[in-house]
């Protein structure tokens, strides 16, 4: 497997290729410690599964293209209770995970060739989706020295270098787990408004903040596009269900795009999502386990001389500088998978310039996976 020489254009989603290779390792009879994907190890809450089982007895027809009104009203209640924000259910579009939400946001709010700023390192699908849609990503580098956190000053400086039409920003972020403070998020929202930049807030890791409550951009503005998902906090990755909150001026166009591109989100998944919103106690129990895993992983990696393996602000990832061991993170991850059965994600997925030095580990799985994974990583590093 080789990376493209160019720094732009469509690239593989390397975490999926690592996962595919891990299946081959498992098919050979060996075990794999899965620390590559951001997938919770627990199933959805019991009441979610019970509601879906009951719904299986009924016909499953398409819903309204924007989603079941019952789910959209439940999301209105969610924003009121969690963020003190007033949301119109007509401004909500239920999506097939956050992935279709990004497509709808880009096509609904911007024209051909638009420039959208994203952080580097950042979620690889941002770049690949923009490229596939004929749009251009403008990368704003964030650094370990700044805790991988974006600032309003960073946004303004990047805009002075190259103007862009939108900013897509996640807090907590993938792959670093970095989250900005309430004040810093407001400053970013405000600078976008002043520059005439459409702000898109990727909030799919909301609920998984460890240092302070999650803050939505809706607490400061009704002009942001909000993208969220049931995948992470609610343990529903494979259910492919998420949602958007839109400024009124984008509602009609986005709904037309939804009708034509996706028709509607899966009906059973919408039923599951509505119930999941009321099962936050279950989600908080899973979060408590991630917090334990977070600490265990950081301590274990630090013992290998990986000083950058600190505990992130949120999500369930550690983005670690492995330059003392490799300058080719893709080969390193494949060798580690083949040699000791630990699956991790190469940093080049998230940073095409400097990611060759980094590896991302997910601690969303079980404590046993983290413990055994650390044992195997130690064995692998000793053999190098």
Protein backbone atom coordinates (compact mmCIF):
# COMPACT_ATOMS: atom_id res chain seq x y z
CA UNK A 1 0.00 0.00 0.00
CA UNK A 2 1.44 3.37 -0.97
CA UNK A 3 0.32 6.94 -0.38
CA UNK A 4 -0.22 9.34 -3.24
CA UNK A 5 2.63 11.74 -3.91
CA UNK A 6 0.36 14.75 -4.21
CA UNK A 7 -0.85 16.52 -1.07
CA UNK A 8 -4.31 17.13 -2.51
CA UNK A 9 -6.95 14.93 -4.06
CA UNK A 10 -8.85 11.85 -3.10
CA UNK A 11 -7.02 9.48 -0.75
CA UNK A 12 -7.91 6.16 0.86
CA UNK A 13 -9.55 6.24 4.28
CA UNK A 14 -6.62 4.40 5.83
CA UNK A 15 -8.40 3.41 9.05
CA UNK A 16 -10.81 1.36 6.94
CA UNK A 17 -7.90 -0.30 5.17
CA UNK A 18 -6.31 -1.16 8.51
CA UNK A 19 -9.63 -2.65 9.64
CA UNK A 20 -9.90 -4.68 6.41
CA UNK A 21 -6.41 -6.06 6.96
CA UNK A 22 -7.22 -6.85 10.58
CA UNK A 23 -10.09 -9.05 9.38
CA UNK A 24 -7.61 -11.10 7.37
CA UNK A 25 -5.41 -11.48 10.46
CA UNK A 26 -8.43 -12.66 12.44
CA UNK A 27 -9.45 -15.02 9.65
CA UNK A 28 -6.08 -16.73 10.04
CA UNK A 29 -7.02 -17.63 13.62
CA UNK A 30 -5.17 -14.85 15.45
CA UNK A 31 -6.73 -12.27 17.75
CA UNK A 32 -6.60 -8.52 17.10
CA UNK A 33 -6.83 -5.73 19.65
CA UNK A 34 -8.97 -3.19 17.81
CA UNK A 35 -7.74 0.29 18.70
CA UNK A 36 -8.10 1.76 15.21
CA UNK A 37 -11.74 2.78 14.88
CA UNK A 38 -13.81 5.19 16.91
CA UNK A 39 -16.44 2.58 17.66
CA UNK A 40 -17.86 2.14 21.16
CA UNK A 41 -17.46 -1.38 22.47
CA UNK A 42 -20.95 -1.40 24.00
CA UNK A 43 -24.27 -1.82 22.15
CA UNK A 44 -26.99 0.85 22.33
CA UNK A 45 -28.99 1.13 25.55
CA UNK A 46 -31.34 -1.81 26.30
CA UNK A 47 -34.47 0.33 25.79
CA UNK A 48 -33.20 1.31 22.36
CA UNK A 49 -32.90 -2.33 21.35
CA UNK A 50 -36.31 -3.12 22.84
CA UNK A 51 -37.98 -0.31 20.88
CA UNK A 52 -36.42 -1.49 17.62
CA UNK A 53 -37.44 -5.09 18.28
CA UNK A 54 -41.04 -3.96 18.78
CA UNK A 55 -40.94 -1.82 15.62
CA UNK A 56 -39.85 -4.80 13.54
CA UNK A 57 -43.44 -6.07 13.75
CA UNK A 58 -44.61 -3.05 11.75
CA UNK A 59 -44.06 -2.06 8.09
CA UNK A 60 -40.95 0.08 7.64
CA UNK A 61 -41.81 2.81 5.17
CA UNK A 62 -39.90 5.92 4.20
CA UNK A 63 -40.30 8.74 6.66
CA UNK A 64 -40.55 12.44 5.85
CA UNK A 65 -37.30 13.33 4.09
CA UNK A 66 -36.30 15.59 7.00
CA UNK A 67 -37.00 12.78 9.46
CA UNK A 68 -39.82 11.69 11.75
CA UNK A 69 -41.41 14.69 13.40
CA UNK A 70 -41.30 12.82 16.73
CA UNK A 71 -37.51 12.56 16.49
CA UNK A 72 -37.11 16.16 15.40
CA UNK A 73 -39.24 17.33 18.33
CA UNK A 74 -37.16 15.18 20.67
CA UNK A 75 -34.05 16.92 19.30
CA UNK A 76 -35.68 20.30 19.96
CA UNK A 77 -36.12 19.20 23.58
CA UNK A 78 -32.49 18.01 23.64
CA UNK A 79 -31.16 21.43 22.63
CA UNK A 80 -33.41 23.14 25.12
CA UNK A 81 -32.36 20.97 28.05
CA UNK A 82 -28.69 20.46 27.23
CA UNK A 83 -27.79 23.83 25.71
CA UNK A 84 -30.56 26.29 26.55
CA UNK A 85 -31.05 26.82 22.81
CA UNK A 86 -34.35 27.26 20.98
CA UNK A 87 -34.54 25.26 17.76
CA UNK A 88 -37.35 25.01 15.20
CA UNK A 89 -38.07 21.36 14.26
CA UNK A 90 -38.38 22.55 10.64
CA UNK A 91 -34.68 23.49 10.79
CA UNK A 92 -33.65 19.91 11.63
CA UNK A 93 -32.79 17.31 9.01
CA UNK A 94 -32.23 13.73 10.16
CA UNK A 95 -29.34 12.24 8.20
CA UNK A 96 -27.61 8.95 7.46
CA UNK A 97 -24.94 9.54 10.06
CA UNK A 98 -22.79 12.66 10.04
CA UNK A 99 -21.30 11.58 6.70
CA UNK A 100 -24.37 12.52 4.67
CA UNK A 101 -24.68 15.60 6.85
CA UNK A 102 -21.34 16.87 5.57
CA UNK A 103 -22.41 16.31 1.96
CA UNK A 104 -25.71 18.11 2.53
CA UNK A 105 -23.98 20.97 4.33
CA UNK A 106 -21.43 21.51 1.58
CA UNK A 107 -23.96 21.28 -1.26
CA UNK A 108 -26.70 23.13 0.59
CA UNK A 109 -24.70 26.13 1.70
CA UNK A 110 -21.98 26.58 -0.92
CA UNK A 111 -21.58 26.76 -4.67
CA UNK A 112 -19.19 24.93 -6.99
CA UNK A 113 -15.52 25.46 -6.20
CA UNK A 114 -16.15 26.82 -2.70
CA UNK A 115 -13.27 26.91 -0.27
CA UNK A 116 -13.87 25.37 3.15
CA UNK A 117 -11.32 25.67 5.96
CA UNK A 118 -10.59 22.68 8.19
CA UNK A 119 -7.96 21.98 10.80
CA UNK A 120 -4.87 19.88 10.17
CA UNK A 121 -4.69 17.27 11.67
CA UNK A 122 -8.35 16.55 11.16
CA UNK A 123 -10.94 14.01 10.10
CA UNK A 124 -9.87 12.67 6.67
CA UNK A 125 -13.38 12.50 5.24
CA UNK A 126 -13.53 16.31 5.30
CA UNK A 127 -10.82 16.55 2.63
CA UNK A 128 -12.00 13.59 0.61
CA UNK A 129 -15.65 14.69 0.58
CA UNK A 130 -14.73 18.22 -0.46
CA UNK A 131 -12.51 16.88 -3.21
CA UNK A 132 -15.22 14.55 -4.50
CA UNK A 133 -17.68 17.46 -4.61
CA UNK A 134 -15.30 19.67 -6.57
CA UNK A 135 -14.67 21.98 -3.63
CA UNK A 136 -11.38 22.99 -2.07
CA UNK A 137 -10.13 22.49 1.46
CA UNK A 138 -8.03 25.19 3.11
CA UNK A 139 -6.09 23.58 5.94
CA UNK A 140 -5.39 25.51 9.14
CA UNK A 141 -2.59 23.81 11.08
CA UNK A 142 -3.00 23.29 14.82
CA UNK A 143 -0.08 22.25 17.00
CA UNK A 144 0.70 20.03 19.94
CA UNK A 145 2.20 23.08 21.68
CA UNK A 146 -1.27 24.69 21.61
CA UNK A 147 -2.94 21.49 22.79
CA UNK A 148 -4.10 20.92 19.19
CA UNK A 149 -6.74 23.62 19.80
CA UNK A 150 -7.87 26.06 17.12
CA UNK A 151 -8.16 29.73 18.10
CA UNK A 152 -9.96 32.70 16.58
CA UNK A 153 -6.53 34.21 15.87
CA UNK A 154 -5.64 31.09 13.87
CA UNK A 155 -8.82 31.50 11.80
CA UNK A 156 -8.17 35.17 11.15
CA UNK A 157 -4.54 34.58 10.18
CA UNK A 158 -5.51 31.77 7.80
CA UNK A 159 -8.18 33.96 6.20
CA UNK A 160 -5.60 36.72 5.67
CA UNK A 161 -3.40 34.20 3.83
CA UNK A 162 -6.19 32.71 1.72
CA UNK A 163 -9.85 33.68 1.84
CA UNK A 164 -12.36 30.88 2.35
CA UNK A 165 -16.15 30.61 2.32
CA UNK A 166 -16.74 28.30 5.26
CA UNK A 167 -15.07 26.84 8.34
CA UNK A 168 -15.80 23.27 9.44
CA UNK A 169 -14.66 22.77 13.02
CA UNK A 170 -15.02 19.94 15.55
CA UNK A 171 -14.75 20.25 19.33
CA UNK A 172 -13.92 17.66 20.66
CA UNK A 173 -11.86 16.81 17.61
CA UNK A 174 -10.77 13.70 15.79
CA UNK A 175 -7.92 12.57 15.96
CA UNK A 176 -6.56 14.66 18.84
CA UNK A 177 -9.46 14.76 21.30
CA UNK A 178 -8.84 18.51 21.65
CA UNK A 179 -11.76 20.66 22.79
CA UNK A 180 -11.87 24.43 23.03
CA UNK A 181 -13.37 26.30 25.95
CA UNK A 182 -16.77 27.97 25.83
CA UNK A 183 -15.10 31.36 25.48
CA UNK A 184 -12.80 30.17 22.69
CA UNK A 185 -15.70 28.68 20.73
CA UNK A 186 -17.62 31.95 20.97
CA UNK A 187 -14.57 33.82 19.69
CA UNK A 188 -14.35 31.47 16.69
CA UNK A 189 -18.06 31.89 15.98
CA UNK A 190 -17.71 35.68 16.25
CA UNK A 191 -14.66 35.93 13.97
CA UNK A 192 -16.44 33.84 11.31
CA UNK A 193 -19.43 36.17 11.46
CA UNK A 194 -17.18 39.22 11.12
CA UNK A 195 -15.31 37.73 8.15
CA UNK A 196 -18.47 36.53 6.41
CA UNK A 197 -17.43 32.89 6.76
CA UNK A 198 -20.17 30.28 7.16
CA UNK A 199 -19.48 28.31 10.35
CA UNK A 200 -20.15 24.56 10.38
CA UNK A 201 -19.93 22.99 13.82
CA UNK A 202 -19.14 19.28 13.87
CA UNK A 203 -20.52 18.22 17.26
CA UNK A 204 -20.52 14.43 16.86
CA UNK A 205 -18.34 13.92 19.95
CA UNK A 206 -20.59 16.01 22.15
CA UNK A 207 -21.25 14.32 25.45
CA UNK A 208 -17.71 12.95 25.41
CA UNK A 209 -16.02 15.96 27.01
CA UNK A 210 -14.06 15.07 30.15
CA UNK A 211 -13.16 18.52 31.49
CA UNK A 212 -16.30 20.61 31.04
CA UNK A 213 -19.81 20.24 29.59
CA UNK A 214 -20.04 20.15 25.80
CA UNK A 215 -20.84 23.54 24.27
CA UNK A 216 -22.89 23.89 21.07
CA UNK A 217 -22.43 26.75 18.64
CA UNK A 218 -26.21 27.17 18.94
CA UNK A 219 -25.60 28.70 22.36
CA UNK A 220 -24.12 31.73 20.57
CA UNK A 221 -25.72 31.90 17.14
CA UNK A 222 -28.59 30.68 14.97
CA UNK A 223 -26.47 31.15 11.86
CA UNK A 224 -24.24 28.07 12.24
CA UNK A 225 -24.80 24.74 10.54
CA UNK A 226 -24.73 22.05 13.23
CA UNK A 227 -23.86 18.43 12.43
CA UNK A 228 -24.26 15.72 15.04
CA UNK A 229 -24.69 11.96 15.21
CA UNK A 230 -25.92 9.14 17.40
CA UNK A 231 -22.78 7.16 16.52
CA UNK A 232 -20.37 8.02 19.32
CA UNK A 233 -22.05 9.10 22.55
CA UNK A 234 -25.05 6.85 21.97
CA UNK A 235 -23.04 3.78 20.80
CA UNK A 236 -24.78 3.56 17.42
CA UNK A 237 -22.08 3.69 14.72
CA UNK A 238 -23.55 0.97 12.52
CA UNK A 239 -27.06 2.39 12.73
CA UNK A 240 -26.01 5.28 10.44
CA UNK A 241 -28.17 7.96 12.00
CA UNK A 242 -27.40 11.61 12.68
CA UNK A 243 -28.89 15.06 12.26
CA UNK A 244 -28.31 18.64 11.17
CA UNK A 245 -29.60 21.96 12.46
CA UNK A 246 -29.73 24.60 9.73
CA UNK A 247 -30.09 28.36 9.44
CA UNK A 248 -33.51 29.03 7.90
CA UNK A 249 -32.08 30.25 4.59
CA UNK A 250 -30.61 26.78 3.89
CA UNK A 251 -33.67 24.73 4.83
CA UNK A 252 -35.40 24.43 1.46
CA UNK A 253 -32.32 23.66 -0.63
CA UNK A 254 -30.99 21.13 1.89
CA UNK A 255 -34.32 19.33 2.07
CA UNK A 256 -34.47 19.10 -1.72
CA UNK A 257 -30.96 17.63 -1.72
CA UNK A 258 -31.95 15.15 0.98
CA UNK A 259 -35.00 14.04 -1.01
CA UNK A 260 -32.93 13.37 -4.11
CA UNK A 261 -29.66 12.06 -2.68
CA UNK A 262 -30.81 9.99 0.29
CA UNK A 263 -34.68 10.07 0.34
CA UNK A 264 -34.66 9.72 4.15
CA UNK A 265 -32.65 8.24 6.98
CA UNK A 266 -33.42 4.60 7.91
CA UNK A 267 -36.75 4.35 9.72
CA UNK A 268 -35.63 1.82 12.34
CA UNK A 269 -32.59 3.93 13.14
CA UNK A 270 -34.78 6.99 13.61
CA UNK A 271 -36.89 5.05 16.11
CA UNK A 272 -33.71 3.99 17.88
CA UNK A 273 -32.37 7.54 17.96
CA UNK A 274 -35.52 8.96 19.51
CA UNK A 275 -35.31 6.46 22.37
CA UNK A 276 -31.54 6.93 22.75
CA UNK A 277 -31.98 10.64 23.49
CA UNK A 278 -33.74 9.63 26.71
CA UNK A 279 -31.07 7.12 27.73
CA UNK A 280 -28.25 9.50 28.65
CA UNK A 281 -27.61 7.69 31.94
CA UNK A 282 -26.55 4.64 29.94
CA UNK A 283 -24.33 6.78 27.72
CA UNK A 284 -22.75 8.37 30.78
CA UNK A 285 -21.89 4.90 32.09
CA UNK A 286 -20.03 4.16 28.86
CA UNK A 287 -18.29 7.53 29.05
CA UNK A 288 -17.05 6.67 32.55
CA UNK A 289 -15.38 3.58 31.11
CA UNK A 290 -13.79 5.62 28.33
CA UNK A 291 -12.40 7.95 30.98
CA UNK A 292 -10.73 5.00 32.71
CA UNK A 293 -9.38 3.70 29.40
CA UNK A 294 -8.13 7.19 28.57
CA UNK A 295 -6.01 7.30 31.70
CA UNK A 296 -4.73 3.72 31.39
CA UNK A 297 -3.73 4.21 27.75
CA UNK A 298 -1.94 7.51 28.40
CA UNK A 299 0.00 6.06 31.34
CA UNK A 300 0.89 2.91 29.42
CA UNK A 301 2.14 4.72 26.32
CA UNK A 302 4.12 7.19 28.44
CA UNK A 303 6.07 4.23 29.87
CA UNK A 304 7.34 3.55 26.36
CA UNK A 305 8.88 7.01 26.24
CA UNK A 306 5.99 8.51 24.28
CA UNK A 307 5.76 11.82 26.09
CA UNK A 308 3.04 13.17 23.79
CA UNK A 309 0.60 10.47 24.90
CA UNK A 310 -1.31 12.79 27.23
CA UNK A 311 -4.97 12.61 28.09
CA UNK A 312 -7.09 14.50 25.56
CA UNK A 313 -9.97 16.82 26.40
CA UNK A 314 -12.68 14.65 24.86
CA UNK A 315 -13.75 12.05 22.29
CA UNK A 316 -11.89 8.72 22.73
CA UNK A 317 -8.58 9.07 20.92
CA UNK A 318 -4.89 9.46 21.68
CA UNK A 319 -2.86 11.07 18.89
CA UNK A 320 0.71 10.13 19.64
CA UNK A 321 4.09 11.20 18.23
CA UNK A 322 5.94 7.98 17.36
CA UNK A 323 8.91 9.65 15.64
CA UNK A 324 11.37 7.95 17.98
CA UNK A 325 10.25 4.66 16.45
CA UNK A 326 9.21 5.49 12.87
CA UNK A 327 8.90 8.11 10.18
CA UNK A 328 6.39 6.04 8.21
CA UNK A 329 3.24 5.64 10.25
CA UNK A 330 1.42 3.57 7.62
CA UNK A 331 4.13 0.92 7.44
CA UNK A 332 4.52 1.02 11.21
CA UNK A 333 0.81 0.35 11.79
CA UNK A 334 0.71 -2.47 9.26
CA UNK A 335 3.82 -4.08 10.77
CA UNK A 336 2.39 -3.79 14.28
CA UNK A 337 -0.85 -5.40 13.11
CA UNK A 338 0.95 -8.26 11.39
CA UNK A 339 3.49 -8.82 14.18
CA UNK A 340 1.43 -8.55 17.38
CA UNK A 341 -2.19 -8.10 16.34
CA UNK A 342 -2.72 -4.48 17.39
CA UNK A 343 -4.75 -2.36 14.99
CA UNK A 344 -4.12 1.40 15.13
CA UNK A 345 -4.55 4.23 12.64
CA UNK A 346 -1.60 5.87 10.85
CA UNK A 347 -1.36 9.61 11.32
CA UNK A 348 -1.27 10.21 7.57
CA UNK A 349 -5.03 9.68 7.63
CA UNK A 350 -5.34 12.97 9.52
CA UNK A 351 -2.34 15.00 8.37
CA UNK A 352 -0.91 14.51 4.89
CA UNK A 353 2.16 16.64 5.69
CA UNK A 354 3.29 15.57 9.16
CA UNK A 355 1.14 12.56 9.99
CA UNK A 356 3.91 10.14 9.05
CA UNK A 357 5.22 10.64 12.59
CA UNK A 358 1.93 10.02 14.41
CA UNK A 359 -0.34 7.11 15.31
CA UNK A 360 -3.91 7.40 16.60
CA UNK A 361 -5.27 4.94 19.14
CA UNK A 362 -8.94 4.63 20.00
CA UNK A 363 -9.85 3.78 23.60
CA UNK A 364 -13.57 3.35 22.89
CA UNK A 365 -13.34 -0.41 23.39
CA UNK A 366 -13.12 -2.45 26.56
CA UNK A 367 -10.58 -2.12 29.33
CA UNK A 368 -9.35 -5.62 28.48
CA UNK A 369 -8.59 -4.46 24.93
CA UNK A 370 -6.55 -1.52 26.25
CA UNK A 371 -4.59 -3.67 28.72
CA UNK A 372 -3.77 -6.41 26.23
CA UNK A 373 -3.10 -3.86 23.51
CA UNK A 374 -0.49 -2.14 25.66
CA UNK A 375 1.19 -5.49 26.40
CA UNK A 376 1.44 -6.25 22.71
CA UNK A 377 2.62 -2.76 21.78
CA UNK A 378 5.42 -3.08 24.34
CA UNK A 379 6.44 -6.42 22.83
CA UNK A 380 6.43 -4.93 19.35
CA UNK A 381 8.51 -1.89 20.32
CA UNK A 382 11.08 -4.04 22.12
CA UNK A 383 11.56 -6.05 18.96
CA UNK A 384 12.36 -3.03 16.80
